[in-house]
Amino acid sequence: MKNLGQFDYVIVGAGSAGCVLANRLSEDPDTTVALLEAGGSDNYIWIHIPVGYLFCMGNPRTDWGFA
């Protein structure tokens, strides 16, 4: 993993609250914010197509098995 430097805030989790918080904090141009989310790259075609969720359920590439 390459070193990206230092940040004023590190937010872990890009859910609804994490994204809103990162957005609000980043409104100050003098503040640096890192927003971290789990997962790999999003180059799997089915996650970009609305009906594609059918191909993602139960697939270990996209489904972490938390039920």
C-alpha atoms as a PDB file:
ATOM      1  CA  MET A   1       0.000   0.000   0.000  1.00  0.00           C
ATOM      2  CA  LYS A   2       1.434   3.346  -0.955  1.00  0.00           C
ATOM      3  CA  ASN A   3       1.698   6.181   1.542  1.00  0.00           C
ATOM      4  CA  LEU A   4      -0.868   8.852   0.743  1.00  0.00           C
ATOM      5  CA  GLY A   5       0.271  11.305   3.380  1.00  0.00           C
ATOM      6  CA  GLN A   6      -1.451  12.721   6.413  1.00  0.00           C
ATOM      7  CA  PHE A   7      -5.057  13.775   6.825  1.00  0.00           C
ATOM      8  CA  ASP A   8      -6.879  15.935   9.335  1.00  0.00           C
ATOM      9  CA  TYR A   9      -9.744  13.432   9.461  1.00  0.00           C
ATOM     10  CA  VAL A  10     -10.016   9.763   8.547  1.00  0.00           C
ATOM     11  CA  ILE A  11     -13.560   8.444   8.227  1.00  0.00           C
ATOM     12  CA  VAL A  12     -13.992   4.679   8.109  1.00  0.00           C
ATOM     13  CA  GLY A  13     -17.156   3.633   6.319  1.00  0.00           C
ATOM     14  CA  ALA A  14     -18.708   5.305   3.300  1.00  0.00           C
ATOM     15  CA  GLY A  15     -22.315   4.654   4.231  1.00  0.00           C
ATOM     16  CA  SER A  16     -24.882   7.421   4.439  1.00  0.00           C
ATOM     17  CA  ALA A  17     -23.428   9.050   7.552  1.00  0.00           C
ATOM     18  CA  GLY A  18     -19.794   8.624   6.490  1.00  0.00           C
ATOM     19  CA  CYS A  19     -20.372  10.293   3.137  1.00  0.00           C
ATOM     20  CA  VAL A  20     -22.314  13.194   4.644  1.00  0.00           C
ATOM     21  CA  LEU A  21     -19.656  13.718   7.304  1.00  0.00           C
ATOM     22  CA  ALA A  22     -16.835  13.615   4.744  1.00  0.00           C
ATOM     23  CA  ASN A  23     -18.696  16.075   2.546  1.00  0.00           C
ATOM     24  CA  ARG A  24     -19.279  18.530   5.374  1.00  0.00           C
ATOM     25  CA  LEU A  25     -15.704  18.328   6.649  1.00  0.00           C
ATOM     26  CA  SER A  26     -14.259  18.769   3.156  1.00  0.00           C
ATOM     27  CA  GLU A  27     -16.141  22.037   2.621  1.00  0.00           C
ATOM     28  CA  ASP A  28     -13.234  23.747   4.400  1.00  0.00           C
ATOM     29  CA  PRO A  29     -10.454  24.035   1.777  1.00  0.00           C
ATOM     30  CA  ASP A  30      -7.812  23.904   4.523  1.00  0.00           C
ATOM     31  CA  THR A  31      -9.022  20.524   5.798  1.00  0.00           C
ATOM     32  CA  THR A  32      -7.971  17.170   4.357  1.00  0.00           C
ATOM     33  CA  VAL A  33     -10.310  14.200   4.658  1.00  0.00           C
ATOM     34  CA  ALA A  34      -9.797  10.519   3.839  1.00  0.00           C
ATOM     35  CA  LEU A  35     -12.923   8.395   3.376  1.00  0.00           C
ATOM     36  CA  LEU A  36     -12.266   4.643   3.531  1.00  0.00           C
ATOM     37  CA  GLU A  37     -14.589   1.893   2.370  1.00  0.00           C
ATOM     38  CA  ALA A  38     -14.027  -1.842   2.314  1.00  0.00           C
ATOM     39  CA  GLY A  39     -13.927  -3.883  -0.847  1.00  0.00           C
ATOM     40  CA  GLY A  40     -11.976  -4.284  -4.009  1.00  0.00           C
ATOM     41  CA  SER A  41     -12.184  -2.524  -7.322  1.00  0.00           C
ATOM     42  CA  ASP A  42     -15.587  -2.038  -8.905  1.00  0.00           C
ATOM     43  CA  ASN A  43     -14.720  -3.485 -12.301  1.00  0.00           C
ATOM     44  CA  TYR A  44     -17.300  -6.293 -12.003  1.00  0.00           C
ATOM     45  CA  ILE A  45     -19.914  -5.437 -14.640  1.00  0.00           C
ATOM     46  CA  TRP A  46     -22.919  -6.682 -12.654  1.00  0.00           C
ATOM     47  CA  ILE A  47     -22.549  -4.120  -9.858  1.00  0.00           C
ATOM     48  CA  HIS A  48     -23.169  -1.308 -12.351  1.00  0.00           C
ATOM     49  CA  ILE A  49     -26.417  -2.687 -13.809  1.00  0.00           C
ATOM     50  CA  PRO A  50     -29.585  -2.417 -11.677  1.00  0.00           C
ATOM     51  CA  VAL A  51     -30.724  -5.977 -12.379  1.00  0.00           C
ATOM     52  CA  GLY A  52     -27.150  -7.156 -11.784  1.00  0.00           C
ATOM     53  CA  TYR A  53     -27.768  -7.588  -8.071  1.00  0.00           C
ATOM     54  CA  LEU A  54     -29.209 -10.994  -8.988  1.00  0.00           C
ATOM     55  CA  PHE A  55     -25.742 -12.073 -10.134  1.00  0.00           C
ATOM     56  CA  CYS A  56     -24.074 -10.612  -7.040  1.00  0.00           C
ATOM     57  CA  MET A  57     -26.059 -12.455  -4.365  1.00  0.00           C
ATOM     58  CA  GLY A  58     -24.112 -15.452  -3.126  1.00  0.00           C
ATOM     59  CA  ASN A  59     -21.124 -14.580  -5.301  1.00  0.00           C
ATOM     60  CA  PRO A  60     -18.017 -14.409  -3.066  1.00  0.00           C
ATOM     61  CA  ARG A  61     -16.668 -11.622  -5.259  1.00  0.00           C
ATOM     62  CA  THR A  62     -19.456  -9.286  -4.168  1.00  0.00           C
ATOM     63  CA  ASP A  63     -21.256 -10.958  -1.269  1.00  0.00           C
ATOM     64  CA  TRP A  64     -19.323 -11.201   1.994  1.00  0.00           C
ATOM     65  CA  GLY A  65     -21.849 -13.677   3.367  1.00  0.00           C
ATOM     66  CA  PHE A  66     -23.140 -11.574   6.267  1.00  0.00           C
ATOM     67  CA  ALA A  67     -26.730 -12.612   6.763  1.00  0.00           C
END
